[in-house]
Protein backbone atom coordinates (compact mmCIF):
# COMPACT_ATOMS: atom_id res chain seq x y z
CA MET A 1 23.63 -23.51 -1.87
CA ALA A 2 20.68 -25.90 -1.55
CA ASP A 3 17.30 -24.17 -1.33
CA SER A 4 15.54 -25.28 1.84
CA TYR A 5 12.24 -24.82 0.03
CA GLY A 6 13.29 -26.38 -3.29
CA GLN A 7 16.56 -27.26 -5.00
CA ASN A 8 19.62 -25.43 -6.27
CA CYS A 9 19.20 -22.47 -8.59
CA ASN A 10 20.96 -23.48 -11.80
CA LYS A 11 20.79 -19.92 -13.19
CA CYS A 12 18.99 -21.12 -16.33
CA GLY A 13 17.04 -17.87 -16.71
CA PHE A 14 13.65 -19.46 -17.43
CA CYS A 15 12.21 -17.12 -14.80
CA LEU A 16 13.25 -14.06 -16.80
CA SER A 17 10.63 -14.83 -19.44
CA VAL A 18 7.76 -14.54 -16.95
CA CYS A 19 8.99 -12.00 -14.38
CA PRO A 20 7.08 -8.69 -14.70
CA THR A 21 9.67 -6.61 -12.83
CA TYR A 22 12.52 -7.93 -14.96
CA GLN A 23 10.58 -7.31 -18.17
CA ALA A 24 9.71 -3.79 -17.02
CA GLN A 25 13.22 -2.82 -15.88
CA GLY A 26 15.48 -5.09 -17.93
CA THR A 27 18.20 -5.25 -15.28
CA GLU A 28 19.57 -8.40 -13.67
CA ASP A 29 18.91 -7.15 -10.13
CA ALA A 30 15.19 -7.04 -10.99
CA SER A 31 15.15 -10.76 -11.81
CA PRO A 32 14.17 -13.78 -9.67
CA ARG A 33 17.53 -15.34 -10.51
CA ALA A 34 19.39 -12.44 -8.93
CA ARG A 35 17.16 -12.37 -5.86
CA ILE A 36 17.72 -16.07 -5.17
CA GLN A 37 21.47 -15.75 -5.65
CA LEU A 38 21.60 -12.76 -3.29
CA ILE A 39 19.61 -14.65 -0.67
CA ASP A 40 22.08 -17.52 -1.01
CA PHE A 41 25.04 -15.15 -0.68
CA PHE A 42 23.46 -13.64 2.43
CA SER A 43 22.78 -17.08 3.93
CA ASP A 44 26.41 -18.07 3.27
CA HIS A 45 27.64 -14.82 4.91
CA LYS A 46 29.18 -13.65 1.65
CA ILE A 47 27.24 -10.38 1.80
CA GLY A 48 25.74 -8.48 4.70
CA SER A 49 22.37 -6.94 5.36
CA SER A 50 21.81 -3.56 3.70
CA GLU A 51 19.12 -1.17 2.54
CA LYS A 52 20.09 -1.97 -1.05
CA LEU A 53 19.59 -5.68 -0.49
CA LYS A 54 16.25 -5.01 1.20
CA ASP A 55 15.12 -2.94 -1.78
CA ILE A 56 16.09 -5.61 -4.32
CA ILE A 57 14.25 -8.34 -2.42
CA SER A 58 11.23 -6.12 -1.80
CA LYS A 59 10.88 -4.91 -5.40
CA CYS A 60 8.95 -8.03 -6.33
CA LEU A 61 5.24 -8.37 -7.11
CA MET A 62 5.03 -11.79 -5.40
CA CYS A 63 3.10 -13.08 -8.40
CA GLY A 64 4.61 -16.58 -8.20
CA SER A 65 5.24 -16.92 -11.93
CA CYS A 66 8.93 -17.65 -11.37
CA ALA A 67 8.16 -20.56 -9.05
CA ASN A 68 5.66 -21.99 -11.53
CA ILE A 69 8.21 -22.13 -14.34
CA CYS A 70 11.32 -23.01 -12.30
CA PRO A 71 12.70 -26.42 -13.41
CA ALA A 72 14.55 -26.75 -10.08
CA GLY A 73 11.35 -26.39 -8.07
CA ILE A 74 12.48 -23.40 -6.05
CA ASN A 75 9.75 -21.84 -3.92
CA HIS A 76 10.64 -18.24 -4.69
CA PRO A 77 7.76 -16.55 -2.81
CA GLU A 78 8.51 -18.40 0.42
CA ARG A 79 12.20 -17.52 0.24
CA TYR A 80 11.39 -13.88 -0.52
CA VAL A 81 8.98 -13.66 2.42
CA ARG A 82 11.55 -15.11 4.83
CA MET A 83 14.24 -12.77 3.54
CA ARG A 84 11.94 -9.76 3.75
CA GLU A 85 11.34 -10.56 7.41
CA LYS A 86 15.08 -10.46 8.08
CA MET A 87 15.55 -7.23 6.15
CA ILE A 88 12.63 -5.51 7.88
CA ARG A 89 13.99 -6.56 11.26
CA ASP A 90 17.35 -5.06 10.33
CA HIS A 91 16.23 -1.91 8.54
CA GLY A 92 12.58 -1.36 9.37
CA ASP A 93 9.84 -0.55 6.88
CA ARG A 94 8.09 2.55 5.62
CA PRO A 95 5.88 4.07 8.35
CA GLU A 96 2.73 3.77 6.24
CA ILE A 97 3.41 0.08 5.53
CA LYS A 98 4.06 -0.57 9.23
CA SER A 99 0.75 1.15 9.94
CA LEU A 100 -1.01 -1.09 7.43
CA VAL A 101 0.39 -4.22 9.09
CA TYR A 102 -0.77 -2.87 12.46
CA LEU A 103 -4.29 -2.16 11.17
CA LEU A 104 -4.78 -5.51 9.46
CA ALA A 105 -3.98 -7.41 12.65
CA LYS A 106 -7.38 -6.53 14.16
CA GLU A 107 -10.75 -6.18 12.46
CA SER A 108 -11.75 -3.30 14.75
CA ARG A 109 -8.73 -1.32 13.53
CA ILE A 110 -9.54 -2.00 9.88
CA ARG A 111 -13.14 -0.90 10.41
CA MET A 112 -12.07 2.31 12.14
CA ALA A 113 -9.51 3.13 9.45
CA ALA A 114 -12.01 2.45 6.65
CA GLY A 115 -14.56 4.74 8.28
CA ALA A 116 -11.98 7.50 8.63
CA ALA A 117 -10.89 7.04 5.01
CA ARG A 118 -14.48 7.32 3.78
CA MET A 119 -14.96 10.51 5.77
CA ALA A 120 -11.75 11.92 4.31
CA GLN A 121 -12.91 11.10 0.79
CA LYS A 122 -16.07 13.13 1.38
CA ILE A 123 -14.30 16.26 2.63
CA VAL A 124 -11.15 16.31 0.49
CA PRO A 125 -11.39 19.17 -2.05
CA HIS A 126 -11.67 18.11 -5.68
CA VAL A 127 -8.46 19.89 -6.65
CA PHE A 128 -6.59 17.98 -3.96
CA ALA A 129 -8.07 14.67 -5.14
CA GLU A 130 -6.85 15.52 -8.64
CA LYS A 131 -3.27 16.18 -7.55
CA TYR A 132 -2.68 13.82 -4.63
CA ARG A 133 -1.60 10.32 -5.57
CA LEU A 134 -1.36 6.90 -4.01
CA GLY A 135 1.73 5.76 -5.83
CA SER A 136 0.97 6.90 -9.37
CA ILE A 137 -2.81 6.66 -9.00
CA ALA A 138 -4.71 9.93 -8.52
CA LEU A 139 -6.81 9.95 -5.37
CA LYS A 140 -9.91 10.71 -7.45
CA GLN A 141 -9.40 7.39 -9.26
CA PHE A 142 -9.35 5.42 -6.03
CA PRO A 143 -12.62 3.57 -5.26
CA VAL A 144 -15.00 5.12 -2.75
CA PHE A 145 -15.20 3.25 0.54
CA ASN A 146 -18.50 1.50 1.32
CA LYS A 147 -20.95 3.52 3.44
CA VAL A 148 -21.08 0.62 5.87
CA PRO A 149 -19.07 -2.61 5.80
CA PHE A 150 -20.53 -5.03 3.27
CA ARG A 151 -20.87 -7.83 5.81
CA THR A 152 -23.09 -5.60 7.97
CA ALA A 153 -25.22 -4.52 5.00
CA ALA A 154 -25.45 -8.07 3.67
CA ARG A 155 -26.72 -9.54 6.92
CA LYS A 156 -29.47 -6.91 7.01
CA ALA A 157 -30.37 -7.63 3.38
CA MET A 158 -30.45 -11.38 3.99
CA ALA A 159 -32.76 -10.91 6.97
CA ARG A 160 -35.19 -8.85 4.87
CA LYS A 161 -35.52 -11.01 1.75
CA PRO A 162 -35.15 -14.76 1.23
CA GLY A 163 -33.22 -16.00 -1.77
CA LYS A 164 -34.92 -17.26 -4.91
CA LYS A 165 -33.96 -20.50 -6.60
CA SER A 166 -33.70 -20.46 -10.37
CA LYS A 167 -35.83 -23.06 -12.12
CA GLY A 168 -33.06 -23.69 -14.63
CA VAL A 169 -30.42 -24.65 -12.08
CA PRO A 170 -29.92 -28.40 -11.49
CA ALA A 171 -29.64 -30.07 -8.08
CA LEU A 172 -26.68 -28.73 -6.16
CA LYS A 173 -23.85 -30.66 -4.58
CA TYR A 174 -23.27 -27.83 -2.13
CA GLY A 175 -26.25 -26.62 -0.15
CA ARG A 176 -24.65 -24.44 2.54
CA VAL A 177 -21.65 -22.21 1.96
CA ALA A 178 -19.62 -19.73 3.96
CA TYR A 179 -18.71 -16.54 2.13
CA PHE A 180 -15.24 -15.25 3.00
CA THR A 181 -15.51 -11.68 1.79
CA GLY A 182 -11.98 -10.44 2.40
CA CYS A 183 -11.16 -6.85 3.33
CA ALA A 184 -11.60 -5.27 -0.11
CA THR A 185 -15.18 -6.43 -0.64
CA ASN A 186 -16.10 -5.62 2.94
CA TYR A 187 -14.80 -2.06 2.84
CA LEU A 188 -14.37 -1.02 -0.81
CA PHE A 189 -16.27 -3.14 -3.32
CA GLU A 190 -19.74 -3.87 -2.01
CA ASP A 191 -20.91 -4.28 -5.61
CA THR A 192 -18.84 -7.46 -5.80
CA GLY A 193 -20.21 -8.69 -2.49
CA PHE A 194 -23.86 -8.14 -3.38
CA ALA A 195 -23.31 -9.75 -6.78
CA VAL A 196 -21.83 -12.88 -5.18
CA LEU A 197 -24.62 -12.98 -2.62
CA ASP A 198 -27.34 -12.47 -5.24
CA ILE A 199 -25.96 -15.23 -7.46
CA LEU A 200 -25.63 -17.77 -4.66
CA ARG A 201 -29.11 -17.09 -3.32
CA HIS A 202 -30.53 -17.18 -6.83
CA MET A 203 -29.00 -20.65 -7.17
CA GLY A 204 -30.80 -21.75 -4.01
CA VAL A 205 -27.65 -21.94 -1.90
CA GLU A 206 -27.80 -21.17 1.81
CA VAL A 207 -25.19 -18.48 2.46
CA ILE A 208 -23.47 -17.90 5.79
CA ILE A 209 -21.33 -14.78 6.24
CA PRO A 210 -19.29 -15.40 9.41
CA GLU A 211 -19.30 -12.28 11.57
CA THR A 212 -15.86 -12.82 13.10
CA GLN A 213 -13.89 -13.33 9.87
CA THR A 214 -10.97 -10.96 9.40
CA CYS A 215 -8.05 -10.23 7.04
CA CYS A 216 -6.55 -13.41 5.58
CA GLY A 217 -3.13 -12.18 6.74
CA ILE A 218 -1.19 -12.34 3.49
CA PRO A 219 -0.44 -8.57 3.31
CA MET A 220 1.04 -8.79 6.81
CA LEU A 221 3.06 -11.88 5.91
CA PHE A 222 4.52 -10.14 2.85
CA HIS A 223 5.67 -7.24 5.03
CA GLY A 224 7.37 -9.02 7.89
CA GLY A 225 4.32 -9.33 10.13
CA ARG A 226 4.50 -13.10 10.61
CA GLU A 227 3.96 -12.80 14.37
CA ASN A 228 0.68 -10.95 13.72
CA VAL A 229 -0.68 -13.48 11.24
CA LYS A 230 -1.20 -16.24 13.80
CA SER A 231 -4.17 -14.52 15.43
CA ASN A 232 -5.87 -13.84 12.09
CA ILE A 233 -5.46 -17.44 10.95
CA ASN A 234 -6.80 -18.77 14.25
CA THR A 235 -9.82 -16.45 14.06
CA ASN A 236 -10.64 -17.37 10.46
CA LEU A 237 -10.24 -21.10 10.99
CA ALA A 238 -12.51 -20.95 14.04
CA CYS A 239 -15.34 -19.21 12.19
CA LEU A 240 -15.04 -21.11 8.90
CA ASP A 241 -14.65 -24.59 10.38
CA ALA A 242 -17.53 -24.20 12.83
CA GLN A 243 -20.28 -23.49 10.31
CA GLY A 244 -21.08 -27.01 9.11
CA ILE A 245 -20.63 -25.80 5.56
CA ASP A 246 -20.00 -27.56 2.26
CA ALA A 247 -17.84 -24.88 0.63
CA VAL A 248 -15.97 -21.68 1.43
CA ILE A 249 -16.66 -19.15 -1.33
CA VAL A 250 -14.03 -16.50 -2.08
CA ASP A 251 -14.11 -13.61 -4.54
CA CYS A 252 -10.44 -12.64 -4.09
CA PRO A 253 -7.68 -14.92 -5.43
CA THR A 254 -5.20 -13.82 -2.77
CA CYS A 255 -7.60 -14.68 0.04
CA GLY A 256 -8.44 -17.95 -1.68
CA ALA A 257 -4.78 -18.89 -2.12
CA ALA A 258 -4.11 -18.07 1.53
CA LEU A 259 -6.95 -20.22 2.84
CA LYS A 260 -6.29 -23.07 0.44
CA ASN A 261 -2.49 -23.20 0.18
CA ASP A 262 -0.94 -21.26 3.05
CA TYR A 263 -3.15 -21.91 6.06
CA PRO A 264 -2.35 -25.64 6.46
CA ALA A 265 1.42 -25.02 6.56
CA LEU A 266 1.10 -21.91 8.72
CA ALA A 267 -1.23 -23.70 11.13
CA GLU A 268 1.42 -26.37 11.58
CA GLU A 269 4.14 -23.74 12.05
CA PHE A 270 2.12 -21.82 14.65
CA GLY A 271 0.81 -24.88 16.49
CA LEU A 272 -2.80 -24.19 15.50
CA ASP A 273 -5.51 -26.71 14.59
CA GLN A 274 -4.04 -28.26 11.45
CA ASP A 275 -7.03 -30.56 10.94
CA ALA A 276 -9.27 -27.50 10.83
CA ALA A 277 -6.90 -25.81 8.38
CA ASN A 278 -6.98 -28.85 6.10
CA ARG A 279 -10.77 -29.10 6.28
CA VAL A 280 -11.17 -25.43 5.37
CA ALA A 281 -8.56 -25.65 2.60
CA GLU A 282 -10.39 -28.54 0.94
CA LYS A 283 -13.59 -26.49 0.77
CA VAL A 284 -12.21 -23.26 -0.69
CA VAL A 285 -13.53 -22.40 -4.16
CA ASP A 286 -13.69 -19.11 -6.04
CA ILE A 287 -17.11 -17.86 -7.09
CA SER A 288 -16.61 -18.30 -10.85
CA THR A 289 -15.56 -21.93 -10.37
CA PHE A 290 -18.58 -22.52 -8.14
CA ILE A 291 -20.97 -21.08 -10.72
CA MET A 292 -19.47 -23.14 -13.53
CA ALA A 293 -19.65 -26.33 -11.44
CA HIS A 294 -23.12 -25.97 -9.98
CA ALA A 295 -25.18 -23.84 -12.34
CA ARG A 296 -25.60 -23.49 -16.07
CA PRO A 297 -24.70 -19.91 -16.99
CA GLN A 298 -26.56 -20.33 -20.27
CA ASP A 299 -29.75 -20.62 -18.20
CA PHE A 300 -29.27 -17.04 -17.05
CA PRO A 301 -31.53 -15.09 -19.41
CA GLN A 302 -29.75 -13.30 -22.20
CA ASN A 303 -29.37 -9.53 -22.02
CA HIS A 304 -31.20 -7.52 -24.65
CA GLU A 305 -27.92 -5.94 -25.71
CA THR A 306 -24.57 -7.60 -26.30
CA ILE A 307 -21.92 -6.66 -23.76
CA ARG A 308 -18.35 -6.51 -25.05
CA VAL A 309 -15.88 -7.55 -22.36
CA THR A 310 -12.21 -8.31 -21.98
CA TYR A 311 -10.48 -9.99 -19.05
CA HIS A 312 -7.38 -9.68 -16.88
CA GLN A 313 -6.31 -12.89 -15.14
CA PRO A 314 -4.81 -12.13 -11.71
CA CYS A 315 -1.44 -13.71 -10.91
CA HIS A 316 -2.63 -15.27 -7.66
CA LEU A 317 -5.50 -16.91 -9.51
CA ARG A 318 -3.31 -18.19 -12.33
CA ASN A 319 -0.45 -19.39 -10.16
CA HIS A 320 -2.07 -20.40 -6.89
CA MET A 321 -5.67 -21.52 -7.45
CA PRO A 322 -6.76 -24.84 -9.00
CA SER A 323 -9.20 -23.56 -11.66
CA PRO A 324 -7.70 -20.35 -13.06
CA GLY A 325 -9.77 -20.46 -16.26
CA SER A 326 -13.19 -20.46 -14.63
CA ALA A 327 -13.82 -16.74 -15.06
CA GLN A 328 -13.07 -16.96 -18.78
CA GLY A 329 -15.30 -20.00 -19.00
CA LEU A 330 -18.06 -18.00 -17.34
CA LEU A 331 -17.60 -15.11 -19.77
CA ASN A 332 -17.81 -17.48 -22.73
CA ALA A 333 -20.88 -19.22 -21.32
CA LEU A 334 -22.98 -16.15 -20.55
CA GLN A 335 -25.35 -15.48 -23.43
CA GLY A 336 -25.14 -11.88 -24.51
CA VAL A 337 -21.46 -11.50 -23.64
CA GLU A 338 -18.89 -11.04 -26.39
CA TYR A 339 -15.57 -11.92 -24.81
CA ILE A 340 -12.53 -10.43 -26.56
CA PRO A 341 -9.21 -11.58 -25.04
CA ALA A 342 -6.50 -8.94 -24.74
CA LEU A 343 -3.02 -9.73 -26.03
CA ASP A 344 -1.61 -9.80 -22.49
CA MET A 345 -4.65 -11.18 -20.70
CA ASP A 346 -2.55 -13.37 -18.39
CA SER A 347 0.32 -10.98 -17.64
CA CYS A 348 0.75 -9.15 -14.33
CA CYS A 349 -0.93 -5.73 -13.96
CA GLY A 350 1.74 -4.31 -11.64
CA GLY A 351 -0.55 -4.01 -8.61
CA GLY A 352 1.01 -6.58 -6.31
CA GLY A 353 -0.68 -5.67 -3.02
CA THR A 354 1.17 -2.51 -1.97
CA PHE A 355 3.69 -2.69 -4.84
CA PHE A 356 1.78 -0.06 -6.86
CA TYR A 357 2.24 2.32 -3.93
CA GLU A 358 5.83 1.46 -3.03
CA TYR A 359 7.23 1.31 -6.58
CA PRO A 360 4.92 3.54 -8.65
CA GLU A 361 7.23 4.00 -11.64
CA VAL A 362 7.64 0.27 -12.21
CA SER A 363 3.96 -0.38 -11.57
CA ARG A 364 2.83 2.36 -13.96
CA GLY A 365 4.99 1.02 -16.77
CA ILE A 366 3.48 -2.44 -16.39
CA ALA A 367 -0.09 -1.19 -16.02
CA ASN A 368 0.00 1.21 -18.98
CA LYS A 369 0.73 -1.66 -21.37
CA LYS A 370 -2.25 -3.54 -19.95
CA VAL A 371 -4.49 -0.51 -20.40
CA THR A 372 -3.38 -0.01 -24.01
CA ASN A 373 -4.09 -3.63 -24.92
CA ALA A 374 -7.43 -3.66 -23.09
CA LYS A 375 -8.58 -0.53 -24.93
CA ALA A 376 -7.56 -2.12 -28.23
CA THR A 377 -10.18 -4.85 -27.75
CA GLY A 378 -12.99 -2.31 -27.96
CA ALA A 379 -14.55 -3.75 -24.81
CA ASN A 380 -16.77 -1.75 -22.46
CA LEU A 381 -16.09 -3.88 -19.39
CA TRP A 382 -12.73 -5.06 -18.13
CA VAL A 383 -13.34 -8.07 -15.92
CA THR A 384 -10.92 -9.21 -13.21
CA ASP A 385 -11.23 -11.24 -10.02
CA CYS A 386 -8.64 -9.45 -7.87
CA PRO A 387 -9.53 -6.24 -5.98
CA VAL A 388 -5.96 -4.90 -6.09
CA CYS A 389 -5.85 -5.50 -9.85
CA ARG A 390 -9.15 -3.65 -10.06
CA ILE A 391 -7.75 -0.70 -8.11
CA ASN A 392 -4.54 -0.62 -10.11
CA LEU A 393 -6.03 -1.02 -13.59
CA GLY A 394 -8.92 1.31 -12.86
CA GLY A 395 -6.47 3.88 -11.56
CA TYR A 396 -4.85 4.22 -14.98
CA LEU A 397 -8.07 4.57 -16.98
CA ASP A 398 -8.57 8.24 -17.79
CA ASP A 399 -11.95 9.93 -18.08
CA SER A 400 -12.02 9.42 -21.85
CA ALA A 401 -11.73 5.63 -21.57
CA ASP A 402 -15.06 3.92 -22.25
CA LEU A 403 -13.96 1.03 -20.07
CA THR A 404 -15.00 0.02 -16.55
CA VAL A 405 -13.24 -2.56 -14.39
CA VAL A 406 -15.59 -5.03 -12.65
CA HIS A 407 -15.53 -8.42 -10.93
CA PRO A 408 -16.83 -11.39 -12.99
CA ALA A 409 -19.61 -11.91 -10.44
CA ARG A 410 -20.78 -8.34 -11.03
CA LEU A 411 -21.14 -9.08 -14.72
CA ALA A 412 -22.88 -12.42 -14.16
CA ALA A 413 -25.36 -10.84 -11.73
CA GLN A 414 -26.65 -8.60 -14.54
CA PHE A 415 -28.13 -11.71 -16.13
CA LEU A 416 -30.21 -12.80 -13.13
CA PRO A 417 -33.88 -12.42 -14.11
CA ASP A 418 -35.05 -11.15 -10.72
CA LEU A 419 -32.00 -9.02 -9.93
CA LYS A 420 -30.90 -7.43 -13.20
CA GLY A 421 -28.78 -4.36 -12.75
CA ARG A 422 -28.40 -4.80 -9.00
CA LYS A 423 -25.64 -2.51 -7.69
CA GLY A 424 -25.94 -3.31 -3.99
C-alpha cells in the first residue's frame, strides 16, 4: 500500500538498526517495519482494531530515527500519530494519560495540577517516596516542582534587575527575543529557565516572556488529543507572533520541533493563521545554537576548576532540529570544561514523553545502558537539552552516583562573570 505521507515500505530493515524499542526487545512487533505493515493491513481492512494492535502502535518512543534513515521516505511518526488516534477512539486510553491530555489543554489546569503536585511532594512520607514509582522511577528521584511557576518568578526578577551586556560579546543580529519556556521549565526546572534568562541578558539581548504561552501540544497530539491541540497552537501563535521579536528561544527540543516543524502544517489543517505559523517557525532557535551564533563562549571567563562533563543528545534535537550539534559545540568551546563523549551519546534514553511511565520495563532497559556508559566517562555532570530525558536519566542514578543531570544552559551560566553559580 502507498504511504500517504511517504512511499511504499520495502521492508528493507534499515530502521531496525536505529529503533530503540526493537534493539531493547529484539522482536519484530517492536520494529518500525512491523508497525507500518500493520497500519497498512488495517487500512486495507485485512486486520481489525484491537487492544493488541493499539499496544504495538503505542509502544514507540516517537524518536523519529526510523523516518530519518528510511530510504523510502516514510513519515513514520505522522502515521503512528494518526493510527494512535484511531486506536484510542476505539479502545480508549489509560485514565491517567487521559487526565494528562485534559490538563495540558488549558494553562490554568496545568498550573493547578503543578501546585497540587508540589504540595503532595512536601507531605508524602519519605518511606512512601522510596517505594512509590512513576513507571520504574522512584518518586524520591522525581524533580521537585518549582515553588512558583518560572514565568511568574522570571518576570519579577526582570523587573528588579536590568541585564548586563558582556564586553566580550560582539554586535548581535538578534536584539529582541521571545522565550518559549515550555511546561517543564515553567513548573519543574526553574534552574534551566534562570540560566537561559541570565545568559541572554548577559549577552545584551532584550528578553520577552509571553504571559499567555501554553503547552506546545505535542503530548496531546501523541495521545489522540488532536482536537485539543488547535486551541494551544492558536494561543501560542498569537503571543509569539505579536511581540515584534527577532527570534523565539526554546530550551526543549520537543517544543522547538513543534513550533518549527509541526505548527505550519497543523495551522493549515486547523484553518489557523498559516502566515503567522510560518513566521514563528522561521524564528525558532534552541538556546545552545543561539549562544554559538551570537556570542563567543570562550569569552566567558574560565572556571578555576575543570568540570568533567558528558552529554546525551535528545532524539527530538537530533532528528527534528536544524543544529543538533550546538550543545556539543558549546561544551567544547567553554574554557574549563572537559567534554568526554559517552559511547552511546546519540542513542535514545527511553524517556519518550510518557513512554517511561507506560512501558517501564522497556524504558528501564534502555536507560540503564545509558547510565552505565555515562558513569564510565568519569564525568560529574551529564548534560542534556530535553527535560524528559533529564527526568528519565536522573531517575536511574542512584545515591552513590557522582553524576548530576543538567541542561547545557545551566552549565554555561556557571561561567558568567557576574552570575557564577546562579541557581535561580
